[in-house]
Amino acid sequence: MKAKFKVINSFKSVDGKWKKQEHEFNTLEEAKKWVNAAGLYFESNNPEWRADIGLLEVKLYKRGDLMPAETMEIQEIN
């Protein structure tokens, strides 16, 4: 059986509470492309934000903040 992957997107909603969304992918490469594209797209369209793009996750920060406002993390589905 081939492994599948999910991206867990954690973010603060308008009401200030943390929410989670999950997106499933058939391969690690698909998940990585989605996470990297989302981080780059968000940063390029929102100059007050910056994206810290790692190997298996992206953290989005408001410029000047030390804690991320949103994360996208890739996990393998068992």
N, C-alpha and C. Protein backbone atom coordinates (compact mmCIF):
# COMPACT_ATOMS: atom_id res chain seq x y z
N MET A 1 0.84 -1.18 0.00
CA MET A 1 0.00 0.00 0.00
C MET A 1 0.88 1.24 0.00
N LYS A 2 0.60 2.15 -0.91
CA LYS A 2 1.38 3.37 -1.04
C LYS A 2 0.95 4.39 0.01
N ALA A 3 1.92 5.05 0.61
CA ALA A 3 1.61 6.06 1.63
C ALA A 3 0.95 7.27 1.01
N LYS A 4 0.08 7.89 1.79
CA LYS A 4 -0.53 9.17 1.40
C LYS A 4 -0.07 10.21 2.41
N PHE A 5 -0.26 11.45 2.05
CA PHE A 5 0.20 12.55 2.90
C PHE A 5 -0.91 13.56 3.08
N LYS A 6 -0.86 14.26 4.20
CA LYS A 6 -1.81 15.33 4.44
C LYS A 6 -1.06 16.58 4.86
N VAL A 7 -1.63 17.70 4.51
CA VAL A 7 -1.12 18.99 4.96
C VAL A 7 -2.10 19.50 6.00
N ILE A 8 -1.58 19.78 7.19
CA ILE A 8 -2.40 20.35 8.25
C ILE A 8 -2.14 21.85 8.27
N ASN A 9 -3.18 22.60 7.99
CA ASN A 9 -3.09 24.06 7.95
C ASN A 9 -3.70 24.59 9.24
N SER A 10 -2.88 25.15 10.13
CA SER A 10 -3.34 25.73 11.39
C SER A 10 -3.25 27.25 11.29
N PHE A 11 -4.33 27.93 11.68
CA PHE A 11 -4.34 29.38 11.54
C PHE A 11 -5.27 29.99 12.57
N LYS A 12 -5.03 31.27 12.86
CA LYS A 12 -5.91 32.02 13.74
C LYS A 12 -7.04 32.60 12.92
N SER A 13 -8.26 32.34 13.35
CA SER A 13 -9.41 32.88 12.63
C SER A 13 -9.68 34.31 13.08
N VAL A 14 -10.67 34.91 12.49
CA VAL A 14 -11.01 36.30 12.79
C VAL A 14 -11.36 36.48 14.27
N ASP A 15 -11.95 35.44 14.88
CA ASP A 15 -12.32 35.53 16.29
C ASP A 15 -11.15 35.25 17.24
N GLY A 16 -9.95 35.04 16.69
CA GLY A 16 -8.75 34.85 17.50
C GLY A 16 -8.51 33.41 17.94
N LYS A 17 -9.37 32.47 17.55
CA LYS A 17 -9.21 31.06 17.92
C LYS A 17 -8.44 30.33 16.82
N TRP A 18 -7.65 29.31 17.24
CA TRP A 18 -6.91 28.50 16.28
C TRP A 18 -7.85 27.51 15.61
N LYS A 19 -7.76 27.41 14.30
CA LYS A 19 -8.56 26.47 13.50
C LYS A 19 -7.60 25.59 12.71
N LYS A 20 -8.10 24.44 12.27
CA LYS A 20 -7.30 23.53 11.45
C LYS A 20 -8.09 23.10 10.22
N GLN A 21 -7.35 22.98 9.12
CA GLN A 21 -7.88 22.40 7.89
C GLN A 21 -6.89 21.34 7.45
N GLU A 22 -7.39 20.28 6.82
CA GLU A 22 -6.51 19.24 6.31
C GLU A 22 -6.75 19.04 4.82
N HIS A 23 -5.66 18.83 4.09
CA HIS A 23 -5.71 18.60 2.65
C HIS A 23 -4.91 17.32 2.40
N GLU A 24 -5.48 16.36 1.66
CA GLU A 24 -4.80 15.10 1.39
C GLU A 24 -4.18 15.09 -0.01
N PHE A 25 -3.02 14.40 -0.10
CA PHE A 25 -2.28 14.27 -1.35
C PHE A 25 -1.81 12.84 -1.51
N ASN A 26 -1.66 12.40 -2.75
CA ASN A 26 -1.23 11.03 -3.02
C ASN A 26 0.27 10.83 -2.85
N THR A 27 1.06 11.89 -3.05
CA THR A 27 2.51 11.76 -2.94
C THR A 27 3.08 12.90 -2.09
N LEU A 28 4.27 12.65 -1.58
CA LEU A 28 4.98 13.69 -0.81
C LEU A 28 5.30 14.87 -1.71
N GLU A 29 5.66 14.61 -2.96
CA GLU A 29 5.99 15.69 -3.89
C GLU A 29 4.81 16.62 -4.13
N GLU A 30 3.60 16.05 -4.27
CA GLU A 30 2.40 16.88 -4.45
C GLU A 30 2.17 17.76 -3.23
N ALA A 31 2.33 17.19 -2.04
CA ALA A 31 2.13 17.94 -0.80
C ALA A 31 3.16 19.06 -0.68
N LYS A 32 4.43 18.76 -1.01
CA LYS A 32 5.49 19.78 -0.93
C LYS A 32 5.22 20.92 -1.91
N LYS A 33 4.81 20.59 -3.13
CA LYS A 33 4.51 21.63 -4.11
C LYS A 33 3.39 22.54 -3.63
N TRP A 34 2.35 21.95 -3.06
CA TRP A 34 1.21 22.73 -2.58
C TRP A 34 1.63 23.66 -1.45
N VAL A 35 2.37 23.13 -0.48
CA VAL A 35 2.81 23.94 0.67
C VAL A 35 3.72 25.08 0.22
N ASN A 36 4.70 24.77 -0.61
CA ASN A 36 5.63 25.81 -1.09
C ASN A 36 4.91 26.86 -1.92
N ALA A 37 4.02 26.43 -2.81
CA ALA A 37 3.28 27.39 -3.63
C ALA A 37 2.38 28.27 -2.77
N ALA A 38 1.73 27.68 -1.78
CA ALA A 38 0.85 28.46 -0.89
C ALA A 38 1.66 29.50 -0.12
N GLY A 39 2.82 29.11 0.41
CA GLY A 39 3.67 30.05 1.14
C GLY A 39 4.17 31.18 0.28
N LEU A 40 4.65 30.85 -0.91
CA LEU A 40 5.16 31.88 -1.82
C LEU A 40 4.05 32.79 -2.32
N TYR A 41 2.89 32.22 -2.64
CA TYR A 41 1.76 33.02 -3.11
C TYR A 41 1.32 33.99 -2.02
N PHE A 42 1.18 33.48 -0.80
CA PHE A 42 0.71 34.32 0.31
C PHE A 42 1.68 35.48 0.55
N GLU A 43 2.97 35.17 0.59
CA GLU A 43 3.97 36.21 0.86
C GLU A 43 4.03 37.25 -0.27
N SER A 44 3.94 36.81 -1.51
CA SER A 44 4.05 37.75 -2.63
C SER A 44 2.82 38.64 -2.76
N ASN A 45 1.68 38.19 -2.27
CA ASN A 45 0.45 38.98 -2.37
C ASN A 45 0.11 39.74 -1.10
N ASN A 46 0.89 39.57 -0.05
CA ASN A 46 0.63 40.24 1.23
C ASN A 46 1.95 40.78 1.77
N PRO A 47 2.33 41.99 1.40
CA PRO A 47 3.65 42.51 1.77
C PRO A 47 3.88 42.63 3.28
N GLU A 48 2.81 42.65 4.07
CA GLU A 48 3.00 42.75 5.52
C GLU A 48 3.28 41.39 6.16
N TRP A 49 3.34 40.34 5.37
CA TRP A 49 3.60 38.99 5.86
C TRP A 49 4.91 38.46 5.28
N ARG A 50 5.49 37.48 5.96
CA ARG A 50 6.65 36.77 5.41
C ARG A 50 6.46 35.28 5.62
N ALA A 51 6.98 34.47 4.71
CA ALA A 51 6.87 33.02 4.77
C ALA A 51 8.23 32.42 5.09
N ASP A 52 8.26 31.55 6.08
CA ASP A 52 9.46 30.78 6.43
C ASP A 52 9.22 29.37 5.89
N ILE A 53 9.83 29.07 4.74
CA ILE A 53 9.56 27.81 4.05
C ILE A 53 10.64 26.80 4.40
N GLY A 54 10.21 25.72 5.07
CA GLY A 54 11.11 24.64 5.44
C GLY A 54 10.90 23.44 4.54
N LEU A 55 11.53 22.32 4.88
CA LEU A 55 11.44 21.12 4.06
C LEU A 55 10.03 20.52 4.08
N LEU A 56 9.40 20.43 5.26
CA LEU A 56 8.08 19.82 5.36
C LEU A 56 7.03 20.74 5.98
N GLU A 57 7.34 22.03 6.08
CA GLU A 57 6.35 22.96 6.62
C GLU A 57 6.63 24.39 6.18
N VAL A 58 5.61 25.19 6.28
CA VAL A 58 5.71 26.62 6.04
C VAL A 58 5.09 27.32 7.23
N LYS A 59 5.75 28.35 7.71
CA LYS A 59 5.21 29.19 8.78
C LYS A 59 5.04 30.59 8.23
N LEU A 60 3.87 31.17 8.46
CA LEU A 60 3.59 32.53 8.01
C LEU A 60 3.56 33.46 9.20
N TYR A 61 4.32 34.53 9.10
CA TYR A 61 4.44 35.51 10.17
C TYR A 61 4.01 36.88 9.68
N LYS A 62 3.36 37.65 10.54
CA LYS A 62 3.20 39.07 10.25
C LYS A 62 4.56 39.68 10.47
N ARG A 63 5.00 40.56 9.63
CA ARG A 63 6.34 41.16 9.76
C ARG A 63 6.49 41.77 11.15
N GLY A 64 7.59 41.41 11.81
CA GLY A 64 7.88 41.90 13.15
C GLY A 64 7.43 40.95 14.26
N ASP A 65 6.51 40.00 13.97
CA ASP A 65 6.06 39.05 14.98
C ASP A 65 7.04 37.89 15.10
N LEU A 66 7.18 37.35 16.32
CA LEU A 66 8.05 36.21 16.56
C LEU A 66 7.31 34.87 16.47
N MET A 67 6.00 34.90 16.71
CA MET A 67 5.19 33.68 16.65
C MET A 67 4.43 33.64 15.33
N PRO A 68 4.39 32.46 14.68
CA PRO A 68 3.66 32.38 13.41
C PRO A 68 2.16 32.54 13.60
N ALA A 69 1.51 33.14 12.63
CA ALA A 69 0.06 33.29 12.64
C ALA A 69 -0.60 32.12 11.90
N GLU A 70 0.20 31.41 11.10
CA GLU A 70 -0.33 30.27 10.35
C GLU A 70 0.80 29.31 10.06
N THR A 71 0.50 28.00 10.11
CA THR A 71 1.47 26.98 9.73
C THR A 71 0.82 25.98 8.79
N MET A 72 1.62 25.42 7.90
CA MET A 72 1.20 24.32 7.03
C MET A 72 2.25 23.24 7.17
N GLU A 73 1.85 22.10 7.71
CA GLU A 73 2.77 21.02 8.03
C GLU A 73 2.36 19.76 7.28
N ILE A 74 3.36 19.07 6.68
CA ILE A 74 3.09 17.83 5.95
C ILE A 74 3.28 16.64 6.89
N GLN A 75 2.31 15.73 6.89
CA GLN A 75 2.41 14.50 7.68
C GLN A 75 2.02 13.30 6.81
N GLU A 76 2.65 12.17 7.09
CA GLU A 76 2.30 10.94 6.40
C GLU A 76 1.06 10.34 7.05
N ILE A 77 0.15 9.83 6.21
CA ILE A 77 -1.06 9.18 6.71
C ILE A 77 -0.78 7.69 6.79
N ASN A 78 -1.01 7.11 7.93
CA ASN A 78 -0.78 5.65 8.11
C ASN A 78 -2.00 4.85 7.73
